[in-house]
Protein backbone atom coordinates (compact mmCIF):
# COMPACT_ATOMS: atom_id res chain seq x y z
CA MET A 1 98.28 126.12 59.38
CA SER A 2 99.85 124.28 62.78
CA GLU A 3 97.51 121.49 62.62
CA ALA A 4 98.92 121.11 58.70
CA ILE A 5 102.05 120.78 59.82
CA PHE A 6 101.31 118.17 62.48
CA LYS A 7 99.29 116.22 59.70
CA GLU A 8 102.37 115.79 58.05
CA TYR A 9 104.52 113.94 60.62
CA THR A 10 101.43 111.58 61.80
CA GLU A 11 102.67 108.86 59.69
CA LYS A 12 106.52 109.70 60.56
CA LEU A 13 106.13 110.16 64.79
CA PRO A 14 103.89 108.32 66.82
CA GLY A 15 100.91 110.03 68.36
CA LYS A 16 101.83 109.74 71.57
CA LEU A 17 104.85 112.25 71.05
CA LEU A 18 103.33 114.46 69.21
CA GLU A 19 100.70 114.90 71.59
CA GLU A 20 103.32 116.23 74.28
CA VAL A 21 104.86 118.32 71.68
CA ARG A 22 101.84 120.15 71.33
CA ASP A 23 101.41 120.24 75.01
CA ASN A 24 104.73 122.02 75.66
CA LEU A 25 104.90 124.39 72.35
CA PRO A 26 104.88 127.94 73.76
CA THR A 27 101.60 130.04 72.97
CA LYS A 28 102.55 131.80 69.93
CA VAL A 29 104.61 129.61 68.01
CA THR A 30 105.32 130.65 64.00
CA ASP A 31 105.24 128.01 61.63
CA ALA A 32 108.83 128.70 60.87
CA LYS A 33 109.61 127.46 64.18
CA LEU A 34 107.03 124.20 64.26
CA LYS A 35 108.77 122.95 61.51
CA LYS A 36 112.14 122.81 62.98
CA ILE A 37 110.87 121.42 66.46
CA LEU A 38 108.97 118.64 64.70
CA ALA A 39 112.38 117.96 62.66
CA ALA A 40 114.53 118.38 65.78
CA VAL A 41 112.25 115.87 66.65
CA GLU A 42 111.76 113.50 63.95
CA GLU A 43 115.50 113.52 64.25
CA GLU A 44 116.29 112.76 67.57
CA TYR A 45 113.72 110.03 67.29
CA LEU A 46 115.00 108.12 65.11
CA ASN A 47 118.23 108.25 66.63
CA THR A 48 116.44 106.28 69.62
CA VAL A 49 114.66 103.20 67.09
CA VAL A 50 116.64 100.20 67.21
CA ASP A 51 118.19 99.27 63.54
CA PRO A 52 117.54 96.01 61.56
CA GLY A 53 119.51 93.17 62.78
CA GLU A 54 120.16 94.68 66.45
CA SER A 55 120.75 91.97 68.67
CA VAL A 56 118.07 93.91 71.54
CA GLY A 57 117.96 89.99 73.35
CA LEU A 58 121.17 89.85 73.88
CA VAL A 59 122.21 93.52 74.53
CA CYS A 60 118.95 93.57 77.04
CA ALA A 61 120.40 89.95 78.57
CA GLU A 62 123.76 91.89 79.20
CA SER A 63 122.33 95.20 80.26
CA ILE A 64 120.11 93.23 83.17
CA GLY A 65 122.38 90.46 83.95
CA GLU A 66 125.75 92.60 84.67
CA PRO A 67 124.19 94.77 87.54
CA GLY A 68 122.36 91.91 88.35
CA THR A 69 124.86 89.57 89.39
CA GLN A 70 126.45 92.70 91.58
CA MET A 71 123.57 93.09 92.99
CA THR A 72 124.52 92.74 97.35
CA LEU A 73 122.12 89.82 98.50
CA ASN A 74 120.35 91.14 101.59
CA THR A 75 116.48 90.50 102.67
CA PHE A 76 115.19 94.10 103.58
CA HIS A 77 112.90 93.99 106.98
CA PHE A 78 110.56 96.54 107.78
CA ALA A 79 111.42 98.55 111.15
CA GLY A 80 110.73 96.54 114.07
CA VAL A 81 109.03 93.68 112.85
CA SER A 82 111.21 90.79 112.11
CA GLU A 83 108.32 89.01 110.84
CA MET A 84 107.23 90.89 107.85
CA ASN A 85 110.88 90.19 106.13
CA VAL A 86 110.52 90.85 102.20
CA THR A 87 112.78 89.39 99.89
CA THR A 88 114.28 91.94 98.05
CA GLY A 89 117.79 91.85 95.91
CA LEU A 90 119.24 88.92 93.08
CA PRO A 91 116.64 86.61 94.84
CA ARG A 92 113.49 88.92 94.27
CA LEU A 93 114.62 89.91 90.65
CA ILE A 94 115.05 86.03 89.90
CA GLU A 95 111.72 85.20 91.38
CA ILE A 96 110.12 87.84 89.27
CA LEU A 97 111.99 87.09 85.92
CA ASP A 98 111.49 82.86 86.95
CA ALA A 99 107.44 83.59 87.17
CA ARG A 100 107.58 80.80 90.07
CA LYS A 101 104.16 79.88 91.47
CA THR A 102 105.08 79.79 94.83
CA ILE A 103 107.30 82.84 96.11
CA LYS A 104 109.12 83.40 99.38
CA SER A 105 107.21 86.27 100.27
CA PRO A 106 104.05 87.45 99.37
CA MET A 107 102.78 90.56 99.68
CA MET A 108 100.14 93.17 99.49
CA GLU A 109 100.05 96.70 99.41
CA VAL A 110 96.87 97.87 99.84
CA TYR A 111 95.44 101.11 99.70
CA LEU A 112 92.18 102.81 101.15
CA LYS A 113 89.66 105.09 99.95
CA GLU A 114 89.24 108.38 102.17
CA PRO A 115 88.75 109.22 105.29
CA PHE A 116 90.82 105.37 106.08
CA SER A 117 93.65 106.79 103.78
CA GLN A 118 93.98 109.87 106.46
CA GLY A 119 95.05 107.33 109.11
CA GLU A 120 91.43 107.74 110.60
CA GLY A 121 90.43 103.50 111.98
CA ILE A 122 93.72 102.38 110.46
CA LYS A 123 93.84 100.16 112.78
CA VAL A 124 90.44 98.75 112.56
CA ILE A 125 90.54 98.03 108.77
CA ALA A 126 94.21 96.53 109.49
CA GLU A 127 92.32 93.57 112.07
CA LYS A 128 90.04 93.60 109.62
CA VAL A 129 91.94 92.60 106.72
CA LYS A 130 94.30 89.83 109.20
CA GLU A 131 93.16 86.54 109.03
CA THR A 132 92.25 85.57 112.69
CA LYS A 133 91.76 82.59 114.26
CA PHE A 134 89.78 81.34 117.57
CA ASN A 135 93.37 81.11 119.32
CA GLU A 136 93.65 85.18 119.52
CA TYR A 137 90.43 85.46 121.10
CA ILE A 138 91.18 83.01 123.85
CA LYS A 139 92.50 84.71 127.06
CA GLU A 140 91.67 81.98 129.13
CA VAL A 141 90.66 77.92 129.15
CA THR A 142 90.39 76.19 132.01
CA ILE A 143 88.84 72.00 131.74
CA ASP A 144 86.44 71.17 134.26
CA VAL A 145 87.51 67.27 135.55
CA VAL A 146 84.64 66.38 136.99
CA GLU A 147 81.09 67.80 134.54
CA SER A 148 83.88 67.23 131.71
CA THR A 149 83.23 70.37 130.17
CA MET A 150 86.09 73.18 128.89
CA SER A 151 85.40 77.09 129.50
CA ILE A 152 86.80 79.36 127.79
CA GLN A 153 87.58 83.16 128.71
CA LEU A 154 87.52 85.05 125.88
CA ASP A 155 89.65 88.61 125.38
CA GLU A 156 87.15 91.77 125.61
CA ASP A 157 89.44 94.04 124.23
CA LYS A 158 90.61 92.16 120.90
CA MET A 159 86.49 91.09 120.46
CA ALA A 160 85.42 95.03 120.65
CA VAL A 161 88.00 96.06 118.33
CA VAL A 162 86.55 93.79 115.41
CA GLU A 163 83.31 94.67 117.55
CA MET A 164 83.22 90.66 117.56
CA LYS A 165 80.09 89.48 119.28
CA THR A 166 79.89 86.07 121.48
CA ASP A 167 76.71 84.55 119.83
CA ARG A 168 78.53 85.14 116.30
CA LEU A 169 81.58 83.17 118.12
CA ILE A 170 79.53 80.22 118.94
CA LYS A 171 77.65 80.23 115.29
CA ILE A 172 81.13 80.16 113.87
CA LEU A 173 82.89 77.32 116.10
CA ALA A 174 79.43 75.48 116.44
CA LYS A 175 79.76 74.75 112.14
CA SER A 176 83.50 73.23 112.70
CA LEU A 177 83.36 71.30 116.44
CA LYS A 178 80.59 68.85 115.59
CA GLY A 179 79.75 66.44 119.30
CA PHE A 180 80.21 69.20 120.79
CA SER A 181 77.30 71.52 122.95
CA LEU A 182 78.47 74.93 122.78
CA LYS A 183 76.25 77.29 125.56
CA LYS A 184 77.48 80.70 126.06
CA ILE A 185 77.82 81.48 129.67
CA ASP A 186 78.15 85.32 129.68
CA GLU A 187 79.38 88.11 127.29
CA THR A 188 82.91 86.78 127.99
CA THR A 189 82.15 82.85 128.44
CA LEU A 190 82.00 80.01 126.70
CA GLU A 191 81.35 76.31 127.88
CA VAL A 192 81.84 73.39 125.70
CA LYS A 193 80.93 69.96 126.18
CA SER A 194 81.33 66.69 124.47
CA THR A 195 78.05 65.35 123.50
CA SER A 196 79.50 62.09 123.58
CA LYS A 197 79.04 59.26 126.08
CA GLU A 198 82.55 57.91 125.59
CA GLU A 199 85.42 59.27 127.00
CA PRO A 200 83.82 63.03 127.03
CA LEU A 201 86.77 64.42 129.45
CA LYS A 202 89.46 62.81 126.21
CA ASP A 203 86.87 64.60 123.87
CA VAL A 204 87.41 68.20 125.87
CA TYR A 205 91.33 67.61 125.99
CA ARG A 206 91.25 66.63 122.17
CA VAL A 207 89.46 69.78 121.00
CA ARG A 208 91.56 72.02 123.31
CA GLU A 209 93.89 72.43 120.31
CA LYS A 210 91.89 72.28 117.69
CA ILE A 211 89.74 74.66 118.53
CA LYS A 212 92.36 77.58 118.83
CA GLY A 213 93.30 76.88 115.11
CA ILE A 214 89.51 77.76 113.87
CA TYR A 215 89.30 80.95 111.34
CA ILE A 216 86.90 83.22 112.53
CA ASN A 217 87.49 86.26 110.38
CA GLY A 218 89.48 88.43 108.36
CA VAL A 219 91.35 88.02 104.32
CA ARG A 220 91.55 84.33 104.44
CA GLY A 221 95.84 83.81 103.74
CA VAL A 222 96.96 87.57 105.16
CA THR A 223 99.03 86.19 108.04
CA GLN A 224 100.24 89.85 109.07
CA VAL A 225 99.32 93.43 108.99
CA LEU A 226 101.58 96.48 109.05
CA PRO A 227 100.03 99.74 108.62
CA VAL A 228 102.31 102.82 107.09
CA LYS A 229 102.58 106.10 106.42
CA ARG A 230 103.51 106.58 103.06
CA GLY A 231 104.12 110.69 101.75
CA ASP A 232 100.39 111.78 102.48
CA GLU A 233 98.53 108.97 102.88
CA TYR A 234 98.29 105.52 105.22
CA LEU A 235 98.35 102.47 103.49
CA ILE A 236 98.01 98.68 105.17
CA ILE A 237 100.97 96.10 104.02
CA THR A 238 99.92 92.62 104.46
CA ALA A 239 102.82 89.52 104.46
CA GLY A 240 100.66 87.24 102.62
CA THR A 241 98.50 87.25 99.51
CA ASN A 242 94.88 87.29 98.76
CA LEU A 243 94.07 89.98 96.34
CA LYS A 244 90.32 88.85 95.01
CA ALA A 245 89.05 89.08 98.65
CA ILE A 246 90.68 92.24 99.80
CA LEU A 247 89.13 93.80 96.57
CA LYS A 248 85.74 93.03 97.37
CA MET A 249 86.35 95.04 100.81
CA GLU A 250 83.88 99.15 100.27
CA GLU A 251 87.00 100.46 102.49
CA VAL A 252 89.64 99.11 99.81
CA ASP A 253 90.93 101.52 96.48
CA THR A 254 90.74 99.08 93.98
CA THR A 255 92.15 101.01 91.07
CA ARG A 256 96.09 100.96 93.10
CA THR A 257 96.05 97.65 95.45
CA VAL A 258 98.31 95.18 93.76
CA SER A 259 100.19 91.96 94.86
CA ASN A 260 103.39 90.35 94.58
CA ASN A 261 102.22 87.28 92.94
CA LEU A 262 102.10 86.76 89.44
CA TYR A 263 100.11 84.78 89.42
CA GLU A 264 97.47 85.89 91.43
CA ILE A 265 97.25 89.26 89.33
CA GLY A 266 97.10 87.13 86.09
CA GLU A 267 93.80 85.44 88.07
CA VAL A 268 92.83 88.97 89.04
CA LEU A 269 92.79 91.51 86.80
CA GLY A 270 94.66 89.48 82.80
CA ILE A 271 98.06 89.03 81.50
CA GLU A 272 98.43 93.26 80.62
CA ALA A 273 98.11 93.79 84.70
CA VAL A 274 100.22 91.43 84.98
CA ARG A 275 103.10 92.85 82.22
CA GLU A 276 102.50 96.08 84.03
CA GLN A 277 103.57 94.52 87.21
CA ILE A 278 106.48 92.68 86.03
CA ILE A 279 107.83 96.02 85.37
CA ARG A 280 106.84 97.91 88.44
CA GLU A 281 108.37 95.12 90.46
CA VAL A 282 111.76 94.98 88.31
CA ILE A 283 112.02 98.69 88.64
CA LYS A 284 111.51 98.40 92.44
CA VAL A 285 113.88 95.51 93.00
CA LEU A 286 116.50 97.52 91.07
CA GLU A 287 116.24 101.27 92.66
CA ALA A 288 116.43 99.61 95.71
CA GLN A 289 119.88 98.59 95.22
CA GLY A 290 121.14 101.65 92.94
CA ILE A 291 120.79 100.99 89.92
CA GLY A 292 119.58 102.28 86.75
CA ILE A 293 118.91 100.09 83.77
CA ASP A 294 116.83 101.10 81.19
CA ILE A 295 113.56 100.92 81.04
CA ARG A 296 113.27 99.43 77.48
CA HIS A 297 115.19 96.21 78.59
CA ILE A 298 112.97 95.94 81.13
CA LEU A 299 109.81 95.52 79.16
CA LEU A 300 111.01 94.09 76.19
CA VAL A 301 111.72 91.23 79.05
CA ALA A 302 108.29 92.14 80.05
CA ASP A 303 106.45 91.74 76.61
CA THR A 304 108.65 88.54 75.79
CA MET A 305 106.89 87.31 79.37
CA THR A 306 104.02 87.88 78.10
CA MET A 307 103.10 87.58 74.79
CA SER A 308 101.42 84.30 75.02
CA GLY A 309 98.47 85.37 76.79
CA HIS A 310 99.67 84.15 79.84
CA VAL A 311 102.87 84.30 82.26
CA GLN A 312 105.77 82.56 81.50
CA GLY A 313 109.41 82.57 82.84
CA ILE A 314 112.53 83.42 81.03
CA SER A 315 113.40 79.22 82.06
CA ARG A 316 113.69 76.04 80.66
CA TYR A 317 110.16 75.58 81.84
CA GLY A 318 108.73 78.77 80.29
CA ILE A 319 109.85 80.52 76.91
CA VAL A 320 112.43 77.99 76.06
CA LYS A 321 110.09 75.16 75.67
CA THR A 322 107.49 77.30 72.80
CA LYS A 323 110.90 78.45 70.89
CA PRO A 324 109.32 77.73 67.20
CA SER A 325 112.81 76.31 66.11
CA VAL A 326 113.44 72.69 66.72
CA LEU A 327 117.14 72.91 67.18
CA ALA A 328 116.79 75.87 69.86
CA ARG A 329 114.93 73.53 71.77
CA ALA A 330 116.69 70.65 71.46
CA SER A 331 119.85 72.68 72.29
CA PHE A 332 118.73 73.16 75.65
CA GLU A 333 117.81 70.00 77.15
CA THR A 334 116.62 66.56 76.07
CA PRO A 335 117.79 67.37 72.66
CA LEU A 336 117.13 63.19 71.92
CA ARG A 337 112.94 63.71 72.71
CA HIS A 338 113.14 67.41 70.87
CA ILE A 339 114.38 65.90 68.21
CA PHE A 340 112.52 62.20 67.83
CA ASN A 341 108.56 64.15 67.85
CA ALA A 342 109.69 67.03 65.67
CA SER A 343 109.93 64.41 63.36
CA ILE A 344 107.41 62.42 64.10
CA ILE A 345 104.88 65.28 63.59
CA GLY A 346 107.43 66.35 60.13
CA GLU A 347 108.15 69.96 61.65
CA GLU A 348 110.25 72.19 60.15
CA ASP A 349 113.35 74.63 61.01
CA GLN A 350 113.33 77.82 59.20
CA LEU A 351 116.68 78.59 60.76
CA ASN A 352 115.26 82.29 61.80
CA SER A 353 117.39 82.73 65.08
CA VAL A 354 121.25 82.47 66.65
CA ILE A 355 121.28 78.88 68.07
CA GLU A 356 120.15 76.83 65.35
CA ASN A 357 122.76 78.57 62.45
CA VAL A 358 125.30 78.42 65.66
CA MET A 359 124.86 74.71 65.17
CA LEU A 360 125.17 74.74 61.67
CA ASN A 361 127.95 76.94 61.36
CA GLN A 362 126.04 79.18 59.57
CA PRO A 363 126.04 83.29 59.70
CA VAL A 364 123.84 84.26 62.13
CA PRO A 365 121.01 86.73 60.61
CA LEU A 366 121.92 89.26 62.77
CA GLY A 367 123.35 92.59 62.08
CA THR A 368 125.91 92.24 58.83
CA GLY A 369 124.87 88.77 58.84
CA LEU A 370 121.21 89.65 58.41
CA PRO A 371 120.60 91.12 54.57
CA GLY A 372 121.51 88.82 51.43
CA LEU A 373 123.58 89.60 48.21
CA ILE A 374 122.37 88.45 45.15
CA THR A 375 124.05 89.01 41.92
CA LYS A 376 125.10 87.54 38.39
CA VAL A 377 128.42 86.41 38.38
CA LYS A 378 130.15 86.81 34.38
CA LYS A 379 131.69 83.83 33.55
């Protein structure tokens, strides 16, 4: 019988609510009690549903805008690592909602599979993740003026951490250094000599600086790594992002690793993932400031930013330019251009929104302005 009662409510209540009621019901519940419970849930549900004509956008804007304006403009630093500064507070909120392509502090939270998530070999993985230039493998550089050669002493400890071999280093360097010969003296010493017959010493001095910036290993774009313990597990926080390359690593938990760059998430994981990340990032910023905003306002903003299938900011270059109303677009900036373009193609304005009706001094189609009364008047 209880299934029949649930069936009655399939049209009245969302499936998720019915599932929750099912999961939380006492084991022996009478049909009369079940009906009472479902009736109470329906009443509660109807009270939370938005009324037709409710200005959801306006309520959402002021619900986020007011506490957002009171937000402190602080920048958060990870303890003891001054290079790892992360944009938070109002500047970060503006970055997210404007959907900025270049953000001040791009970063990733790299979650790891077991046993690495328990801290085993986490330093080695962190070194694997960090983009490493040849400069970090150099202990000492000496130039022989008579022979026109440069001798490079390698850092054994650094090489041991990432299991880097001298022969592999020579191979990588050889690709970038044309016109030079590389010779391995022993496991920790390299010799670089110019093959040019004119001014070989000058070439050696010139290559001394170039050689330091040659990319050797790690994930390109990740300039800093910081292993941190969160709860019972370890993860790696990075400065700089390269989600595509990180997700290819075997040690990485691909289901939880995220970047704070919305466009990168869009390219790698798709628009649904971007929507989810907008919600998470906004909540993270607000919670750090101790601000509580109803999640439905944030959901509305996230839906608006991603409904076109790609990320659009709440700005003149994003959502505003895609508005269907000519007058709404013209009211923002460059009105003549919008009106000329619309008149060339014969575009119509249905006056469905607020701005265009305000411009024409008409009641706006919201709240009491939404329903129209049609009646015959007796003469």
